Amino acid sequence: MTTRVWAFAVLLGWVALGGAACGGGPSAKFSIAAKGGPMPAGQSWEGVYYNPVYGYLHVVGEGGNLTGRWRRTNSSGWGELSGSADGNVLNFTWTEHKYGEVGPAADVKGTGVFVFKLGPNDIPELDGQFAINDSDSVGDWHCIKQMNQKPDINSVNGDNPMGAPAPDQWK
């Protein structure tokens, strides 16, 4: 076996056995920081953050373990996330539940990362990315912290705020 063929066989075996994941992991697909830096002075992860699509994200936790919940602004679903923060970076897993759907299509799951930073006028922001499990496609999730709002994680649950239409509205 020539050296060239041998090197190719070793590389192919390494990739097939998952060697490419060494040092990678779920956050490898994200282009934003995967390793934490210092948290801005006087700031904490706990709070309520807003995104025009994903609505209000309520984040609570102790130490570096954080949980959050959100409800989409169009009331099509709600989600929950949990993860560990390393300074100003939160790596998390998430699940989004679709209202009105049952079975495997009702829940979508994935991974994500948020970087906590101070934006214009020193307003806290989450600069984030997320991906659906088994997908290389990445979406952006940018949130602005809502000042003077306390997180109420239990206010976000499976109850659809839009509710079902009244019986006389069925067509």
C-alpha atoms as a PDB file:
ATOM      1  CA  MET A   1       0.000   0.000   0.000  1.00  0.00           C
ATOM      2  CA  THR A   2       1.478   3.336  -0.949  1.00  0.00           C
ATOM      3  CA  THR A   3       1.857   6.079   1.626  1.00  0.00           C
ATOM      4  CA  ARG A   4      -0.748   8.170  -0.141  1.00  0.00           C
ATOM      5  CA  VAL A   5      -3.366   5.381  -0.160  1.00  0.00           C
ATOM      6  CA  TRP A   6      -2.559   4.517   3.465  1.00  0.00           C
ATOM      7  CA  ALA A   7      -2.994   8.181   4.576  1.00  0.00           C
ATOM      8  CA  PHE A   8      -6.322   8.393   2.753  1.00  0.00           C
ATOM      9  CA  ALA A   9      -7.529   5.145   4.400  1.00  0.00           C
ATOM     10  CA  VAL A  10      -6.552   6.424   7.850  1.00  0.00           C
ATOM     11  CA  LEU A  11      -8.325   9.751   7.237  1.00  0.00           C
ATOM     12  CA  LEU A  12     -11.445   7.996   5.941  1.00  0.00           C
ATOM     13  CA  GLY A  13     -11.517   5.676   8.973  1.00  0.00           C
ATOM     14  CA  TRP A  14     -10.993   8.591  11.359  1.00  0.00           C
ATOM     15  CA  VAL A  15     -13.968  10.469   9.901  1.00  0.00           C
ATOM     16  CA  ALA A  16     -16.153   7.336   9.809  1.00  0.00           C
ATOM     17  CA  LEU A  17     -15.472   6.662  13.487  1.00  0.00           C
ATOM     18  CA  GLY A  18     -16.390  10.206  14.477  1.00  0.00           C
ATOM     19  CA  GLY A  19     -12.858  11.487  14.867  1.00  0.00           C
ATOM     20  CA  ALA A  20     -13.916  14.742  13.282  1.00  0.00           C
ATOM     21  CA  ALA A  21     -15.866  15.486  16.449  1.00  0.00           C
ATOM     22  CA  CYS A  22     -12.695  15.714  18.528  1.00  0.00           C
ATOM     23  CA  GLY A  23     -12.716  19.251  19.828  1.00  0.00           C
ATOM     24  CA  GLY A  24     -15.909  19.918  17.880  1.00  0.00           C
ATOM     25  CA  GLY A  25     -19.199  19.012  19.482  1.00  0.00           C
ATOM     26  CA  PRO A  26     -22.585  20.606  18.902  1.00  0.00           C
ATOM     27  CA  SER A  27     -21.303  24.165  19.141  1.00  0.00           C
ATOM     28  CA  ALA A  28     -18.791  23.613  16.308  1.00  0.00           C
ATOM     29  CA  LYS A  29     -21.455  24.517  13.718  1.00  0.00           C
ATOM     30  CA  PHE A  30     -22.006  27.954  15.242  1.00  0.00           C
ATOM     31  CA  SER A  31     -19.907  30.871  14.062  1.00  0.00           C
ATOM     32  CA  ILE A  32     -20.208  32.849  17.305  1.00  0.00           C
ATOM     33  CA  ALA A  33     -18.038  32.270  20.375  1.00  0.00           C
ATOM     34  CA  ALA A  34     -18.108  28.793  21.862  1.00  0.00           C
ATOM     35  CA  LYS A  35     -15.816  29.665  24.764  1.00  0.00           C
ATOM     36  CA  GLY A  36     -16.896  32.137  27.412  1.00  0.00           C
ATOM     37  CA  GLY A  37     -15.375  35.471  28.181  1.00  0.00           C
ATOM     38  CA  PRO A  38     -16.047  37.609  31.234  1.00  0.00           C
ATOM     39  CA  MET A  39     -19.619  38.678  31.941  1.00  0.00           C
ATOM     40  CA  PRO A  40     -20.025  42.482  31.698  1.00  0.00           C
ATOM     41  CA  ALA A  41     -19.686  44.121  35.127  1.00  0.00           C
ATOM     42  CA  GLY A  42     -22.918  44.298  37.115  1.00  0.00           C
ATOM     43  CA  GLN A  43     -24.857  42.095  34.653  1.00  0.00           C
ATOM     44  CA  SER A  44     -26.573  38.720  35.009  1.00  0.00           C
ATOM     45  CA  TRP A  45     -28.225  36.255  32.659  1.00  0.00           C
ATOM     46  CA  GLU A  46     -31.497  36.279  34.580  1.00  0.00           C
ATOM     47  CA  GLY A  47     -34.145  38.422  32.935  1.00  0.00           C
ATOM     48  CA  VAL A  48     -36.645  38.785  30.089  1.00  0.00           C
ATOM     49  CA  TYR A  49     -35.379  39.210  26.516  1.00  0.00           C
ATOM     50  CA  TYR A  50     -37.368  40.122  23.401  1.00  0.00           C
ATOM     51  CA  ASN A  51     -37.145  38.991  19.780  1.00  0.00           C
ATOM     52  CA  PRO A  52     -39.795  39.982  17.177  1.00  0.00           C
ATOM     53  CA  VAL A  53     -40.305  36.338  16.071  1.00  0.00           C
ATOM     54  CA  TYR A  54     -39.691  34.315  19.242  1.00  0.00           C
ATOM     55  CA  GLY A  55     -41.328  36.772  21.636  1.00  0.00           C
ATOM     56  CA  TYR A  56     -40.317  37.154  25.264  1.00  0.00           C
ATOM     57  CA  LEU A  57     -37.656  34.742  26.503  1.00  0.00           C
ATOM     58  CA  HIS A  58     -37.744  34.362  30.290  1.00  0.00           C
ATOM     59  CA  VAL A  59     -34.364  33.205  31.692  1.00  0.00           C
ATOM     60  CA  VAL A  60     -33.762  32.045  35.268  1.00  0.00           C
ATOM     61  CA  GLY A  61     -31.141  29.943  36.983  1.00  0.00           C
ATOM     62  CA  GLU A  62     -28.562  29.375  39.641  1.00  0.00           C
ATOM     63  CA  GLY A  63     -24.862  29.625  39.040  1.00  0.00           C
ATOM     64  CA  GLY A  64     -24.120  28.678  35.477  1.00  0.00           C
ATOM     65  CA  ASN A  65     -27.187  26.434  35.055  1.00  0.00           C
ATOM     66  CA  LEU A  66     -29.906  28.337  33.244  1.00  0.00           C
ATOM     67  CA  THR A  67     -33.383  27.564  31.945  1.00  0.00           C
ATOM     68  CA  GLY A  68     -35.618  29.634  29.746  1.00  0.00           C
ATOM     69  CA  ARG A  69     -39.017  29.625  28.080  1.00  0.00           C
ATOM     70  CA  TRP A  70     -40.522  31.623  25.244  1.00  0.00           C
ATOM     71  CA  ARG A  71     -43.785  31.907  23.299  1.00  0.00           C
ATOM     72  CA  ARG A  72     -43.682  32.894  19.634  1.00  0.00           C
ATOM     73  CA  THR A  73     -45.264  36.256  18.886  1.00  0.00           C
ATOM     74  CA  ASN A  74     -47.690  34.652  16.405  1.00  0.00           C
ATOM     75  CA  SER A  75     -48.742  32.119  19.086  1.00  0.00           C
ATOM     76  CA  SER A  76     -47.829  29.150  16.868  1.00  0.00           C
ATOM     77  CA  GLY A  77     -45.783  27.532  19.622  1.00  0.00           C
ATOM     78  CA  TRP A  78     -43.748  27.822  22.773  1.00  0.00           C
ATOM     79  CA  GLY A  79     -40.351  26.521  23.750  1.00  0.00           C
ATOM     80  CA  GLU A  80     -37.945  25.790  26.531  1.00  0.00           C
ATOM     81  CA  LEU A  81     -34.179  25.737  26.774  1.00  0.00           C
ATOM     82  CA  SER A  82     -31.594  24.703  29.332  1.00  0.00           C
ATOM     83  CA  GLY A  83     -27.864  24.906  29.430  1.00  0.00           C
ATOM     84  CA  SER A  84     -24.681  25.927  31.168  1.00  0.00           C
ATOM     85  CA  ALA A  85     -23.119  29.350  31.040  1.00  0.00           C
ATOM     86  CA  ASP A  86     -19.380  29.892  30.870  1.00  0.00           C
ATOM     87  CA  GLY A  87     -18.982  33.598  31.609  1.00  0.00           C
ATOM     88  CA  ASN A  88     -20.852  35.431  28.864  1.00  0.00           C
ATOM     89  CA  VAL A  89     -21.563  32.348  26.709  1.00  0.00           C
ATOM     90  CA  LEU A  90     -24.537  30.023  27.176  1.00  0.00           C
ATOM     91  CA  ASN A  91     -24.555  26.703  25.309  1.00  0.00           C
ATOM     92  CA  PHE A  92     -28.017  25.167  25.431  1.00  0.00           C
ATOM     93  CA  THR A  93     -30.409  22.548  24.152  1.00  0.00           C
ATOM     94  CA  TRP A  94     -33.945  23.556  23.253  1.00  0.00           C
ATOM     95  CA  THR A  95     -37.360  22.113  22.413  1.00  0.00           C
ATOM     96  CA  GLU A  96     -40.179  24.005  20.725  1.00  0.00           C
ATOM     97  CA  HIS A  97     -43.749  22.714  21.011  1.00  0.00           C
ATOM     98  CA  LYS A  98     -46.256  23.547  18.256  1.00  0.00           C
ATOM     99  CA  TYR A  99     -49.801  24.380  19.332  1.00  0.00           C
ATOM    100  CA  GLY A 100     -52.464  22.159  17.769  1.00  0.00           C
ATOM    101  CA  GLU A 101     -50.071  19.429  16.597  1.00  0.00           C
ATOM    102  CA  VAL A 102     -49.612  15.948  18.011  1.00  0.00           C
ATOM    103  CA  GLY A 103     -47.108  13.208  17.379  1.00  0.00           C
ATOM    104  CA  PRO A 104     -43.495  13.517  16.276  1.00  0.00           C
ATOM    105  CA  ALA A 105     -44.110  16.735  14.298  1.00  0.00           C
ATOM    106  CA  ALA A 106     -45.367  18.540  17.415  1.00  0.00           C
ATOM    107  CA  ASP A 107     -41.886  19.053  18.890  1.00  0.00           C
ATOM    108  CA  VAL A 108     -38.720  20.353  17.278  1.00  0.00           C
ATOM    109  CA  LYS A 109     -35.410  20.010  19.148  1.00  0.00           C
ATOM    110  CA  GLY A 110     -31.926  21.346  18.761  1.00  0.00           C
ATOM    111  CA  THR A 111     -28.907  23.118  20.185  1.00  0.00           C
ATOM    112  CA  GLY A 112     -27.877  26.733  20.412  1.00  0.00           C
ATOM    113  CA  VAL A 113     -25.531  29.316  21.819  1.00  0.00           C
ATOM    114  CA  PHE A 114     -26.059  32.818  23.204  1.00  0.00           C
ATOM    115  CA  VAL A 115     -23.369  35.413  23.805  1.00  0.00           C
ATOM    116  CA  PHE A 116     -24.319  38.039  26.413  1.00  0.00           C
ATOM    117  CA  LYS A 117     -23.045  41.496  25.473  1.00  0.00           C
ATOM    118  CA  LEU A 118     -23.786  45.159  25.933  1.00  0.00           C
ATOM    119  CA  GLY A 119     -25.250  46.825  22.867  1.00  0.00           C
ATOM    120  CA  PRO A 120     -25.817  50.496  22.058  1.00  0.00           C
ATOM    121  CA  ASN A 121     -26.424  52.630  25.155  1.00  0.00           C
ATOM    122  CA  ASP A 122     -25.151  49.716  27.293  1.00  0.00           C
ATOM    123  CA  ILE A 123     -28.420  47.791  26.866  1.00  0.00           C
ATOM    124  CA  PRO A 124     -27.855  44.045  27.446  1.00  0.00           C
ATOM    125  CA  GLU A 125     -28.364  41.785  24.420  1.00  0.00           C
ATOM    126  CA  LEU A 126     -28.169  38.110  23.583  1.00  0.00           C
ATOM    127  CA  ASP A 127     -26.491  37.438  20.260  1.00  0.00           C
ATOM    128  CA  GLY A 128     -27.437  33.866  19.433  1.00  0.00           C
ATOM    129  CA  GLN A 129     -27.570  31.058  16.950  1.00  0.00           C
ATOM    130  CA  PHE A 130     -29.535  27.800  16.931  1.00  0.00           C
ATOM    131  CA  ALA A 131     -29.795  24.634  14.882  1.00  0.00           C
ATOM    132  CA  ILE A 132     -32.282  21.809  14.646  1.00  0.00           C
ATOM    133  CA  ASN A 133     -30.806  18.443  15.648  1.00  0.00           C
ATOM    134  CA  ASP A 134     -29.035  16.622  12.810  1.00  0.00           C
ATOM    135  CA  SER A 135     -28.943  19.788  10.695  1.00  0.00           C
ATOM    136  CA  ASP A 136     -26.000  21.887   9.604  1.00  0.00           C
ATOM    137  CA  SER A 137     -28.295  24.870   8.940  1.00  0.00           C
ATOM    138  CA  VAL A 138     -27.980  27.628  11.517  1.00  0.00           C
ATOM    139  CA  GLY A 139     -30.480  30.352  12.378  1.00  0.00           C
ATOM    140  CA  ASP A 140     -29.936  33.637  14.212  1.00  0.00           C
ATOM    141  CA  TRP A 141     -31.658  34.512  17.478  1.00  0.00           C
ATOM    142  CA  HIS A 142     -30.943  38.034  18.701  1.00  0.00           C
ATOM    143  CA  CYS A 143     -32.709  39.342  21.820  1.00  0.00           C
ATOM    144  CA  ILE A 144     -32.784  42.632  23.721  1.00  0.00           C
ATOM    145  CA  LYS A 145     -33.065  42.506  27.515  1.00  0.00           C
ATOM    146  CA  GLN A 146     -36.222  44.166  28.803  1.00  0.00           C
ATOM    147  CA  MET A 147     -35.304  46.443  31.672  1.00  0.00           C
ATOM    148  CA  ASN A 148     -37.508  46.400  34.785  1.00  0.00           C
ATOM    149  CA  GLN A 149     -39.209  43.116  33.814  1.00  0.00           C
ATOM    150  CA  LYS A 150     -38.831  40.151  36.108  1.00  0.00           C
ATOM    151  CA  PRO A 151     -38.771  36.700  34.535  1.00  0.00           C
ATOM    152  CA  ASP A 152     -41.797  34.491  35.193  1.00  0.00           C
ATOM    153  CA  ILE A 153     -40.882  31.186  33.606  1.00  0.00           C
ATOM    154  CA  ASN A 154     -44.167  29.580  34.712  1.00  0.00           C
ATOM    155  CA  SER A 155     -46.158  32.123  32.695  1.00  0.00           C
ATOM    156  CA  VAL A 156     -44.968  30.380  29.529  1.00  0.00           C
ATOM    157  CA  ASN A 157     -46.474  26.912  29.164  1.00  0.00           C
ATOM    158  CA  GLY A 158     -48.627  24.810  26.867  1.00  0.00           C
ATOM    159  CA  ASP A 159     -51.660  27.079  27.227  1.00  0.00           C
ATOM    160  CA  ASN A 160     -52.240  28.901  23.949  1.00  0.00           C
ATOM    161  CA  PRO A 161     -52.988  32.560  24.710  1.00  0.00           C
ATOM    162  CA  MET A 162     -55.006  32.775  21.496  1.00  0.00           C
ATOM    163  CA  GLY A 163     -57.173  29.846  22.600  1.00  0.00           C
ATOM    164  CA  ALA A 164     -59.523  27.986  20.337  1.00  0.00           C
ATOM    165  CA  PRO A 165     -62.056  29.965  18.306  1.00  0.00           C
ATOM    166  CA  ALA A 166     -65.479  30.426  19.882  1.00  0.00           C
ATOM    167  CA  PRO A 167     -68.039  27.901  18.530  1.00  0.00           C
ATOM    168  CA  ASP A 168     -69.791  30.553  16.444  1.00  0.00           C
ATOM    169  CA  GLN A 169     -66.498  31.403  14.696  1.00  0.00           C
ATOM    170  CA  TRP A 170     -65.994  27.891  13.223  1.00  0.00           C
ATOM    171  CA  LYS A 171     -66.559  27.845   9.496  1.00  0.00           C
END
